[in-house]
Amino acid sequence: MSKRADLSLSINAIVVLILAITMLGLGLAFIRNTFVKTEQQFIDVADGVKAQIVESIQNSDEKIALNQFEIEMKRGSSRDIYYGIRNVFDTDETFHIEPRCVSSIEGSVVDVITFSTFSELDVQAGQIEVSKLIISVDSGAPLDSYACELEVTSTKESVIITETETSTTFTFGNMYYPYFTKKFFIKVI
């Protein structure tokens, strides 16, 4: 009788183990599907923001638009915002993008806020391109309000002529011409 009880116990243990593995698989599949849906929702929101920026620029005469003008951030945090650039020229242009903070209300050091984005953005003639700007606030940043700007210059190929008594030298190079500067504010809370 002891052998039958051991055999019955072993069969029950195997059935419980199979059920546990099945439930674990179902649970993992449910969690994975939840994360996939959440990721898709974030993508949909980002696409909606991009469409909103393009619409905002198309309905105005702005060269640059931001999806946020006043941004509240905590110390040690990062946030993504979007900006759009309209090319008002008749030719395709490469724009140089330089975001920076220029001052603060309390006179705090402004290098506690850093920006990450593409350094250049190619925009076809008459079109609008939208890109992401990642803002990061240092964990030791003073609680303050910072005035920041997104400076955009256009890149134009230029010819520099250097003449001496004996020769003429032609140099081809890139120079940055002011295009537009958009101001925005960051409040560290």
Protein backbone atom coordinates (compact mmCIF):
# COMPACT_ATOMS: atom_id res chain seq x y z
CA MET A 1 0.00 0.00 0.00
CA SER A 2 2.91 2.31 0.65
CA LYS A 3 4.10 1.99 -2.94
CA ARG A 4 0.65 2.91 -4.29
CA ALA A 5 0.50 5.93 -1.99
CA ASP A 6 3.97 7.02 -3.16
CA LEU A 7 2.92 6.54 -6.79
CA SER A 8 -0.31 8.50 -6.19
CA LEU A 9 1.64 11.26 -4.45
CA SER A 10 4.15 11.40 -7.34
CA ILE A 11 1.35 11.65 -9.93
CA ASN A 12 -0.32 14.43 -7.91
CA ALA A 13 3.02 16.28 -7.66
CA ILE A 14 3.52 16.04 -11.44
CA VAL A 15 -0.04 17.30 -12.10
CA VAL A 16 0.47 20.25 -9.71
CA LEU A 17 3.84 21.03 -11.34
CA ILE A 18 2.29 20.98 -14.84
CA LEU A 19 -0.56 23.26 -13.67
CA ALA A 20 1.92 25.64 -12.02
CA ILE A 21 4.05 25.89 -15.18
CA THR A 22 0.91 26.44 -17.28
CA MET A 23 -0.30 29.22 -14.95
CA LEU A 24 3.16 30.83 -14.98
CA GLY A 25 3.16 30.81 -18.79
CA LEU A 26 -0.32 32.35 -18.90
CA GLY A 27 0.71 35.01 -16.36
CA LEU A 28 3.84 35.92 -18.31
CA ALA A 29 1.86 36.12 -21.56
CA PHE A 30 -0.67 38.44 -19.89
CA ILE A 31 2.07 40.73 -18.53
CA ARG A 32 3.86 40.80 -21.89
CA ASN A 33 0.64 41.74 -23.71
CA THR A 34 -0.01 44.49 -21.18
CA PHE A 35 3.45 45.99 -21.76
CA VAL A 36 3.10 45.74 -25.55
CA LYS A 37 -0.23 47.60 -25.38
CA THR A 38 1.28 50.26 -23.11
CA GLU A 39 4.25 50.71 -25.44
CA GLN A 40 1.88 51.13 -28.39
CA GLN A 41 -0.09 53.74 -26.44
CA PHE A 42 3.13 55.73 -25.85
CA ILE A 43 3.93 55.53 -29.57
CA ASP A 44 0.39 56.71 -30.41
CA VAL A 45 0.73 59.66 -27.99
CA ALA A 46 4.11 60.63 -29.50
CA ASP A 47 2.63 60.46 -33.01
CA GLY A 48 -0.28 62.61 -31.84
CA VAL A 49 2.11 65.20 -30.40
CA LYS A 50 4.09 65.28 -33.66
CA ALA A 51 0.89 65.76 -35.68
CA GLN A 52 -0.20 68.53 -33.30
CA ILE A 53 3.12 70.36 -33.74
CA VAL A 54 2.93 70.10 -37.54
CA GLU A 55 -0.65 71.40 -37.45
CA SER A 56 0.37 74.24 -35.12
CA ILE A 57 3.12 75.36 -37.48
CA GLN A 58 0.93 74.99 -40.57
CA ASN A 59 -1.80 77.15 -39.00
CA SER A 60 0.63 79.92 -38.08
CA ASP A 61 3.60 81.69 -39.55
CA GLU A 62 6.01 80.23 -36.97
CA LYS A 63 9.31 78.77 -38.08
CA ILE A 64 9.69 76.72 -34.86
CA ALA A 65 7.11 75.24 -32.49
CA LEU A 66 7.48 73.39 -29.18
CA ASN A 67 4.85 71.13 -27.68
CA GLN A 68 5.56 72.65 -24.25
CA PHE A 69 6.46 76.23 -23.37
CA GLU A 70 6.65 75.95 -19.56
CA ILE A 71 8.07 72.71 -18.23
CA GLU A 72 8.10 71.58 -14.59
CA MET A 73 10.73 68.98 -13.71
CA LYS A 74 12.03 67.34 -10.57
CA ARG A 75 15.70 67.13 -9.69
CA GLY A 76 17.41 64.11 -11.23
CA SER A 77 14.68 63.56 -13.83
CA SER A 78 14.52 63.54 -17.62
CA ARG A 79 11.70 64.45 -19.96
CA ASP A 80 11.11 64.30 -23.70
CA ILE A 81 9.53 67.20 -25.53
CA TYR A 82 9.09 67.69 -29.27
CA TYR A 83 9.89 70.59 -31.55
CA GLY A 84 9.14 71.23 -35.18
CA ILE A 85 11.04 73.29 -37.73
CA ARG A 86 9.47 74.74 -40.88
CA ASN A 87 11.74 75.34 -43.86
CA VAL A 88 10.57 78.63 -45.39
CA PHE A 89 13.27 78.55 -48.07
CA ASP A 90 12.82 77.46 -51.69
CA THR A 91 15.60 74.90 -51.32
CA ASP A 92 16.29 71.99 -48.98
CA GLU A 93 18.22 73.15 -45.92
CA THR A 94 20.24 71.66 -43.10
CA PHE A 95 19.47 73.35 -39.81
CA HIS A 96 21.88 73.38 -36.86
CA ILE A 97 20.05 72.96 -33.53
CA GLU A 98 21.49 74.23 -30.24
CA PRO A 99 19.34 74.11 -27.10
CA ARG A 100 20.63 75.81 -23.95
CA CYS A 101 19.63 77.55 -20.75
CA VAL A 102 20.73 81.17 -20.60
CA SER A 103 19.68 82.43 -17.15
CA SER A 104 17.68 81.76 -14.01
CA ILE A 105 15.55 83.90 -11.71
CA GLU A 106 17.66 83.28 -8.59
CA GLY A 107 20.96 83.48 -10.49
CA SER A 108 21.62 79.74 -10.25
CA VAL A 109 24.20 78.06 -12.45
CA VAL A 110 22.45 77.00 -15.67
CA ASP A 111 24.68 74.06 -16.60
CA VAL A 112 22.66 71.79 -14.26
CA ILE A 113 20.20 71.31 -17.12
CA THR A 114 21.40 69.39 -20.17
CA PHE A 115 19.82 68.75 -23.54
CA SER A 116 20.12 65.92 -26.05
CA THR A 117 18.89 66.15 -29.63
CA PHE A 118 20.20 65.90 -33.17
CA SER A 119 22.81 68.57 -33.85
CA GLU A 120 21.49 68.99 -37.39
CA LEU A 121 18.15 68.40 -39.05
CA ASP A 122 17.57 68.22 -42.81
CA VAL A 123 14.28 69.77 -43.90
CA GLN A 124 13.00 69.78 -47.46
CA ALA A 125 11.86 73.05 -49.04
CA GLY A 126 8.50 74.17 -47.66
CA GLN A 127 8.23 71.14 -45.34
CA ILE A 128 8.14 70.64 -41.56
CA GLU A 129 10.28 68.17 -39.60
CA VAL A 130 9.57 67.19 -36.00
CA SER A 131 12.26 65.92 -33.64
CA LYS A 132 12.70 64.99 -29.98
CA LEU A 133 14.51 67.07 -27.36
CA ILE A 134 15.52 65.21 -24.19
CA ILE A 135 15.88 67.47 -21.14
CA SER A 136 17.78 66.22 -18.08
CA VAL A 137 18.01 67.98 -14.72
CA ASP A 138 20.97 67.24 -12.46
CA SER A 139 20.10 65.73 -9.06
CA GLY A 140 21.82 68.65 -7.33
CA ALA A 141 20.10 71.37 -9.35
CA PRO A 142 18.86 74.35 -7.32
CA LEU A 143 15.10 74.88 -7.12
CA ASP A 144 14.72 77.72 -9.59
CA SER A 145 13.11 78.81 -12.86
CA TYR A 146 15.39 78.74 -15.89
CA ALA A 147 15.06 80.66 -19.15
CA CYS A 148 16.09 78.44 -22.04
CA GLU A 149 16.14 78.71 -25.80
CA LEU A 150 16.26 76.53 -28.86
CA GLU A 151 18.51 78.32 -31.32
CA VAL A 152 18.25 77.20 -34.93
CA THR A 153 20.65 78.35 -37.60
CA SER A 154 20.66 77.40 -41.27
CA THR A 155 23.68 75.81 -42.84
CA LYS A 156 24.65 77.30 -46.14
CA GLU A 157 27.62 76.37 -48.20
CA SER A 158 29.77 79.40 -48.80
CA VAL A 159 32.80 80.29 -50.85
CA ILE A 160 35.60 82.20 -49.15
CA ILE A 161 37.99 83.91 -51.53
CA THR A 162 41.49 84.75 -50.31
CA GLU A 163 43.60 86.83 -52.65
CA THR A 164 47.30 87.58 -52.39
CA GLU A 165 49.60 89.24 -54.87
CA THR A 166 50.56 85.92 -56.41
CA SER A 167 47.49 83.67 -56.05
CA THR A 168 43.77 83.37 -55.39
CA THR A 169 42.48 80.65 -53.07
CA PHE A 170 38.89 79.41 -53.00
CA THR A 171 37.73 77.69 -49.82
CA PHE A 172 34.37 75.96 -49.52
CA GLY A 173 32.93 75.81 -46.05
CA ASN A 174 29.82 75.85 -43.92
CA MET A 175 28.67 78.92 -42.07
CA TYR A 176 25.73 79.21 -39.77
CA TYR A 177 23.20 81.95 -40.41
CA PRO A 178 20.58 82.84 -37.79
CA TYR A 179 17.20 81.29 -38.60
CA PHE A 180 15.07 81.54 -35.45
CA THR A 181 15.33 81.26 -31.66
CA LYS A 182 12.43 79.87 -29.61
CA LYS A 183 12.37 80.64 -25.89
CA PHE A 184 10.93 78.32 -23.22
CA PHE A 185 11.11 77.93 -19.45
CA ILE A 186 12.02 75.09 -17.11
CA LYS A 187 10.98 75.18 -13.45
CA VAL A 188 12.91 72.79 -11.21
CA ILE A 189 10.68 71.67 -8.34
